Amino acid sequence: MKKSTGPILDAPHLRGLAYTRANSDATDQWLTEVFQQALGETESAALVAVGGYGRQELCPHSDIDVILVHDDRDDYQDAAEALWYPIWDRGIKLGYAVVNIQQAETLATEELFWATAFLSNRLVAGGADLYDRFEEGRGDDNGLPPRDESRRTFGGYAQDSFTVTEKLSLEAGFRLDHVR
């Protein structure tokens, strides 16, 4: 069987933010199917998109950053492997963490990468109640600005040169690291 590779969405007629949003939506749909095949209908685990994918700004060939939040499942390692392998088999670069609520709080306070990634997150599949607990556990006492203040922006983007440049690159349909 030939492995499928490349972007989830093949839509050459879309450009910029229209493509990144459509690609995020297509990825959500595919990952929801993968999640349900791996874990079934469950409320004891939640797949959370973070970072650019969490903002629905998934560019072609971007990595996908996700967190599998579990409610202290005994089989979380097996569940995670069943979820990650179809993604890897497709050739997609995956940034991931597998955590319970307490571990997510620790990541948010001790790991800058995950703390900033958590600022832009949304539920893709799984337990909505567990996701709500994850959001509450992210809290505003982790040294980061409260979520609402972290997006105090003009047109959805912070007013500094880096993010203005990122806005321009997103509107063109690519990120700067894709053209270096």
C-alpha atoms as a PDB file:
ATOM      1  CA  MET A   1       0.000   0.000   0.000  1.00  0.00           C
ATOM      2  CA  LYS A   2       1.404   3.375  -1.005  1.00  0.00           C
ATOM      3  CA  LYS A   3       1.722   5.861   1.820  1.00  0.00           C
ATOM      4  CA  SER A   4       0.045   9.212   1.346  1.00  0.00           C
ATOM      5  CA  THR A   5       2.414  12.140   1.735  1.00  0.00           C
ATOM      6  CA  GLY A   6       2.279  15.875   1.404  1.00  0.00           C
ATOM      7  CA  PRO A   7      -0.168  18.422   2.661  1.00  0.00           C
ATOM      8  CA  ILE A   8      -3.535  17.222   3.900  1.00  0.00           C
ATOM      9  CA  LEU A   9      -5.289  19.673   1.574  1.00  0.00           C
ATOM     10  CA  ASP A  10      -4.576  19.934  -2.137  1.00  0.00           C
ATOM     11  CA  ALA A  11      -6.272  23.185  -3.129  1.00  0.00           C
ATOM     12  CA  PRO A  12      -4.099  25.225  -5.511  1.00  0.00           C
ATOM     13  CA  HIS A  13      -6.944  27.706  -6.044  1.00  0.00           C
ATOM     14  CA  LEU A  14      -6.667  28.873  -2.395  1.00  0.00           C
ATOM     15  CA  ARG A  15      -4.023  31.341  -1.239  1.00  0.00           C
ATOM     16  CA  GLY A  16      -2.784  32.814   2.015  1.00  0.00           C
ATOM     17  CA  LEU A  17      -5.057  32.736   5.033  1.00  0.00           C
ATOM     18  CA  ALA A  18      -7.874  31.125   3.053  1.00  0.00           C
ATOM     19  CA  TYR A  19      -5.571  28.152   2.402  1.00  0.00           C
ATOM     20  CA  THR A  20      -4.199  27.952   5.963  1.00  0.00           C
ATOM     21  CA  ARG A  21      -7.718  27.916   7.425  1.00  0.00           C
ATOM     22  CA  ALA A  22      -8.969  25.343   4.898  1.00  0.00           C
ATOM     23  CA  ASN A  23      -5.855  23.213   5.481  1.00  0.00           C
ATOM     24  CA  SER A  24      -6.429  23.400   9.242  1.00  0.00           C
ATOM     25  CA  ASP A  25     -10.063  22.366   8.765  1.00  0.00           C
ATOM     26  CA  ALA A  26      -9.077  19.430   6.536  1.00  0.00           C
ATOM     27  CA  THR A  27      -6.404  18.408   9.052  1.00  0.00           C
ATOM     28  CA  ASP A  28      -8.966  18.622  11.873  1.00  0.00           C
ATOM     29  CA  GLN A  29     -11.289  16.319   9.963  1.00  0.00           C
ATOM     30  CA  TRP A  30      -8.527  13.822   9.203  1.00  0.00           C
ATOM     31  CA  LEU A  31      -7.136  13.874  12.769  1.00  0.00           C
ATOM     32  CA  THR A  32     -10.636  13.431  14.196  1.00  0.00           C
ATOM     33  CA  GLU A  33     -10.978  10.260  12.105  1.00  0.00           C
ATOM     34  CA  VAL A  34      -7.524   9.058  13.209  1.00  0.00           C
ATOM     35  CA  PHE A  35      -8.373   9.881  16.847  1.00  0.00           C
ATOM     36  CA  GLN A  36     -11.647   7.939  16.681  1.00  0.00           C
ATOM     37  CA  GLN A  37      -9.941   4.934  15.061  1.00  0.00           C
ATOM     38  CA  ALA A  38      -7.196   4.977  17.707  1.00  0.00           C
ATOM     39  CA  LEU A  39      -9.259   5.776  20.795  1.00  0.00           C
ATOM     40  CA  GLY A  40     -12.917   5.429  19.858  1.00  0.00           C
ATOM     41  CA  GLU A  41     -15.549   7.759  21.232  1.00  0.00           C
ATOM     42  CA  THR A  42     -14.014   8.844  24.515  1.00  0.00           C
ATOM     43  CA  GLU A  43     -14.273  11.588  27.061  1.00  0.00           C
ATOM     44  CA  SER A  44     -11.078  10.481  28.847  1.00  0.00           C
ATOM     45  CA  ALA A  45      -8.746  11.973  26.224  1.00  0.00           C
ATOM     46  CA  ALA A  46      -8.662  15.155  24.162  1.00  0.00           C
ATOM     47  CA  LEU A  47      -6.569  16.070  21.146  1.00  0.00           C
ATOM     48  CA  VAL A  48      -5.660  19.757  21.359  1.00  0.00           C
ATOM     49  CA  ALA A  49      -4.145  21.783  18.506  1.00  0.00           C
ATOM     50  CA  VAL A  50      -1.593  24.362  19.633  1.00  0.00           C
ATOM     51  CA  GLY A  51       0.588  27.041  18.069  1.00  0.00           C
ATOM     52  CA  GLY A  52      -0.010  27.922  14.434  1.00  0.00           C
ATOM     53  CA  TYR A  53      -2.227  24.898  13.977  1.00  0.00           C
ATOM     54  CA  GLY A  54      -4.174  25.983  17.059  1.00  0.00           C
ATOM     55  CA  ARG A  55      -4.699  29.388  15.406  1.00  0.00           C
ATOM     56  CA  GLN A  56      -5.859  27.617  12.220  1.00  0.00           C
ATOM     57  CA  GLU A  57      -2.825  28.940  10.340  1.00  0.00           C
ATOM     58  CA  LEU A  58      -1.512  25.633   9.031  1.00  0.00           C
ATOM     59  CA  CYS A  59       0.724  26.303   6.048  1.00  0.00           C
ATOM     60  CA  PRO A  60       1.637  23.637   3.474  1.00  0.00           C
ATOM     61  CA  HIS A  61       4.293  21.251   4.827  1.00  0.00           C
ATOM     62  CA  SER A  62       4.127  22.822   8.303  1.00  0.00           C
ATOM     63  CA  ASP A  63       4.589  20.628  11.302  1.00  0.00           C
ATOM     64  CA  ILE A  64       1.489  19.878  13.341  1.00  0.00           C
ATOM     65  CA  ASP A  65       1.748  20.695  17.047  1.00  0.00           C
ATOM     66  CA  VAL A  66      -0.742  18.835  19.221  1.00  0.00           C
ATOM     67  CA  ILE A  67      -1.224  17.739  22.787  1.00  0.00           C
ATOM     68  CA  LEU A  68      -2.953  14.556  23.800  1.00  0.00           C
ATOM     69  CA  VAL A  69      -4.491  15.360  27.164  1.00  0.00           C
ATOM     70  CA  HIS A  70      -5.663  12.307  29.073  1.00  0.00           C
ATOM     71  CA  ASP A  71      -7.586  11.800  32.271  1.00  0.00           C
ATOM     72  CA  ASP A  72      -4.933   9.562  33.873  1.00  0.00           C
ATOM     73  CA  ARG A  73      -5.622   6.733  31.424  1.00  0.00           C
ATOM     74  CA  ASP A  74      -3.666   3.571  32.136  1.00  0.00           C
ATOM     75  CA  ASP A  75      -3.235   2.929  28.408  1.00  0.00           C
ATOM     76  CA  TYR A  76      -2.200   6.453  27.367  1.00  0.00           C
ATOM     77  CA  GLN A  77       1.097   5.305  25.841  1.00  0.00           C
ATOM     78  CA  ASP A  78      -0.643   2.749  23.616  1.00  0.00           C
ATOM     79  CA  ALA A  79      -3.341   5.286  22.756  1.00  0.00           C
ATOM     80  CA  ALA A  80      -0.736   7.902  21.832  1.00  0.00           C
ATOM     81  CA  GLU A  81       1.167   5.488  19.605  1.00  0.00           C
ATOM     82  CA  ALA A  82      -2.037   4.487  17.836  1.00  0.00           C
ATOM     83  CA  LEU A  83      -2.684   8.179  17.217  1.00  0.00           C
ATOM     84  CA  TRP A  84       0.843   9.271  16.201  1.00  0.00           C
ATOM     85  CA  TYR A  85       1.786   6.447  13.812  1.00  0.00           C
ATOM     86  CA  PRO A  86      -0.760   7.309  11.073  1.00  0.00           C
ATOM     87  CA  ILE A  87       0.515  10.901  11.203  1.00  0.00           C
ATOM     88  CA  TRP A  88       4.140   9.823  10.923  1.00  0.00           C
ATOM     89  CA  ASP A  89       3.229   7.306   8.200  1.00  0.00           C
ATOM     90  CA  ARG A  90       1.887  10.196   6.165  1.00  0.00           C
ATOM     91  CA  GLY A  91       5.292  11.884   6.449  1.00  0.00           C
ATOM     92  CA  ILE A  92       4.031  14.779   8.557  1.00  0.00           C
ATOM     93  CA  LYS A  93       6.367  16.320  11.104  1.00  0.00           C
ATOM     94  CA  LEU A  94       4.664  16.181  14.480  1.00  0.00           C
ATOM     95  CA  GLY A  95       5.333  18.220  17.609  1.00  0.00           C
ATOM     96  CA  TYR A  96       3.498  16.567  20.465  1.00  0.00           C
ATOM     97  CA  ALA A  97       3.103  16.039  24.170  1.00  0.00           C
ATOM     98  CA  VAL A  98       1.075  13.465  26.056  1.00  0.00           C
ATOM     99  CA  VAL A  99      -0.011  14.819  29.419  1.00  0.00           C
ATOM    100  CA  ASN A 100      -2.620  14.720  32.119  1.00  0.00           C
ATOM    101  CA  ILE A 101      -3.969  17.999  33.482  1.00  0.00           C
ATOM    102  CA  GLN A 102      -1.300  18.331  36.182  1.00  0.00           C
ATOM    103  CA  GLN A 103       1.494  17.642  33.683  1.00  0.00           C
ATOM    104  CA  ALA A 104       0.022  20.246  31.316  1.00  0.00           C
ATOM    105  CA  GLU A 105       0.181  22.817  34.116  1.00  0.00           C
ATOM    106  CA  THR A 106       3.834  21.885  34.687  1.00  0.00           C
ATOM    107  CA  LEU A 107       4.623  22.262  30.967  1.00  0.00           C
ATOM    108  CA  ALA A 108       2.930  25.673  30.936  1.00  0.00           C
ATOM    109  CA  THR A 109       5.065  26.911  33.833  1.00  0.00           C
ATOM    110  CA  GLU A 110       8.413  25.257  33.067  1.00  0.00           C
ATOM    111  CA  GLU A 111       8.746  24.897  29.285  1.00  0.00           C
ATOM    112  CA  LEU A 112       8.713  28.141  27.300  1.00  0.00           C
ATOM    113  CA  PHE A 113       7.959  26.387  23.987  1.00  0.00           C
ATOM    114  CA  TRP A 114       4.813  24.746  25.352  1.00  0.00           C
ATOM    115  CA  ALA A 115       3.809  27.764  27.440  1.00  0.00           C
ATOM    116  CA  THR A 116       3.718  29.953  24.345  1.00  0.00           C
ATOM    117  CA  ALA A 117       2.146  27.199  22.227  1.00  0.00           C
ATOM    118  CA  PHE A 118      -0.648  26.890  24.804  1.00  0.00           C
ATOM    119  CA  LEU A 119      -1.605  30.516  24.173  1.00  0.00           C
ATOM    120  CA  SER A 120      -3.225  29.453  20.892  1.00  0.00           C
ATOM    121  CA  ASN A 121      -5.077  26.216  21.406  1.00  0.00           C
ATOM    122  CA  ARG A 122      -8.355  24.571  20.511  1.00  0.00           C
ATOM    123  CA  LEU A 123     -10.013  21.210  20.793  1.00  0.00           C
ATOM    124  CA  VAL A 124      -9.741  18.984  17.705  1.00  0.00           C
ATOM    125  CA  ALA A 125     -11.239  15.721  19.003  1.00  0.00           C
ATOM    126  CA  GLY A 126     -12.232  13.966  22.181  1.00  0.00           C
ATOM    127  CA  GLY A 127     -13.540  15.084  25.523  1.00  0.00           C
ATOM    128  CA  ALA A 128     -14.825  18.647  25.653  1.00  0.00           C
ATOM    129  CA  ASP A 129     -15.006  18.592  29.468  1.00  0.00           C
ATOM    130  CA  LEU A 130     -11.401  17.435  29.667  1.00  0.00           C
ATOM    131  CA  TYR A 131     -10.401  20.203  27.265  1.00  0.00           C
ATOM    132  CA  ASP A 132     -12.199  22.754  29.459  1.00  0.00           C
ATOM    133  CA  ARG A 133     -10.186  21.487  32.465  1.00  0.00           C
ATOM    134  CA  PHE A 134      -7.007  21.771  30.393  1.00  0.00           C
ATOM    135  CA  GLU A 135      -7.899  25.390  29.567  1.00  0.00           C
ATOM    136  CA  GLU A 136      -8.611  26.180  33.225  1.00  0.00           C
ATOM    137  CA  GLY A 137      -5.360  24.479  34.255  1.00  0.00           C
ATOM    138  CA  ARG A 138      -3.393  26.611  31.833  1.00  0.00           C
ATOM    139  CA  GLY A 139      -4.372  29.429  34.123  1.00  0.00           C
ATOM    140  CA  ASP A 140      -2.995  32.924  34.147  1.00  0.00           C
ATOM    141  CA  ASP A 141      -0.573  32.408  37.020  1.00  0.00           C
ATOM    142  CA  ASN A 142       2.116  30.802  34.848  1.00  0.00           C
ATOM    143  CA  GLY A 143       4.038  33.999  34.162  1.00  0.00           C
ATOM    144  CA  LEU A 144       2.374  34.514  30.794  1.00  0.00           C
ATOM    145  CA  PRO A 145      -0.123  37.256  30.104  1.00  0.00           C
ATOM    146  CA  PRO A 146      -3.773  36.258  30.406  1.00  0.00           C
ATOM    147  CA  ARG A 147      -5.051  34.738  27.190  1.00  0.00           C
ATOM    148  CA  ASP A 148      -7.143  37.778  26.238  1.00  0.00           C
ATOM    149  CA  GLU A 149      -4.218  40.139  26.765  1.00  0.00           C
ATOM    150  CA  SER A 150      -1.835  37.893  24.837  1.00  0.00           C
ATOM    151  CA  ARG A 151      -3.857  38.603  21.680  1.00  0.00           C
ATOM    152  CA  ARG A 152      -4.278  42.355  22.317  1.00  0.00           C
ATOM    153  CA  THR A 153      -3.600  43.153  18.734  1.00  0.00           C
ATOM    154  CA  PHE A 154      -4.462  45.071  15.648  1.00  0.00           C
ATOM    155  CA  GLY A 155      -6.192  42.857  13.116  1.00  0.00           C
ATOM    156  CA  GLY A 156      -5.348  39.713  15.081  1.00  0.00           C
ATOM    157  CA  TYR A 157      -1.595  40.283  15.103  1.00  0.00           C
ATOM    158  CA  ALA A 158       0.647  41.923  17.660  1.00  0.00           C
ATOM    159  CA  GLN A 159       2.094  45.269  16.743  1.00  0.00           C
ATOM    160  CA  ASP A 160       5.777  44.541  16.417  1.00  0.00           C
ATOM    161  CA  SER A 161       8.014  43.947  13.430  1.00  0.00           C
ATOM    162  CA  PHE A 162       8.227  40.167  13.813  1.00  0.00           C
ATOM    163  CA  THR A 163       4.502  39.565  13.870  1.00  0.00           C
ATOM    164  CA  VAL A 164       3.791  42.138  11.181  1.00  0.00           C
ATOM    165  CA  THR A 165       6.266  40.217   9.008  1.00  0.00           C
ATOM    166  CA  GLU A 166       4.527  36.976   9.975  1.00  0.00           C
ATOM    167  CA  LYS A 167       1.180  38.506   9.006  1.00  0.00           C
ATOM    168  CA  LEU A 168       2.556  39.396   5.583  1.00  0.00           C
ATOM    169  CA  SER A 169       3.996  35.924   5.086  1.00  0.00           C
ATOM    170  CA  LEU A 170       0.730  34.285   6.125  1.00  0.00           C
ATOM    171  CA  GLU A 171      -1.243  36.404   3.696  1.00  0.00           C
ATOM    172  CA  ALA A 172       1.131  35.255   0.971  1.00  0.00           C
ATOM    173  CA  GLY A 173       0.601  31.638   2.068  1.00  0.00           C
ATOM    174  CA  PHE A 174       3.982  30.762   3.505  1.00  0.00           C
ATOM    175  CA  ARG A 175       6.103  31.223   6.575  1.00  0.00           C
ATOM    176  CA  LEU A 176       9.521  32.831   6.493  1.00  0.00           C
ATOM    177  CA  ASP A 177      11.290  29.587   7.403  1.00  0.00           C
ATOM    178  CA  HIS A 178       9.814  28.022   4.256  1.00  0.00           C
ATOM    179  CA  VAL A 179      11.679  30.419   1.964  1.00  0.00           C
ATOM    180  CA  ARG A 180      15.102  30.496   3.617  1.00  0.00           C
END
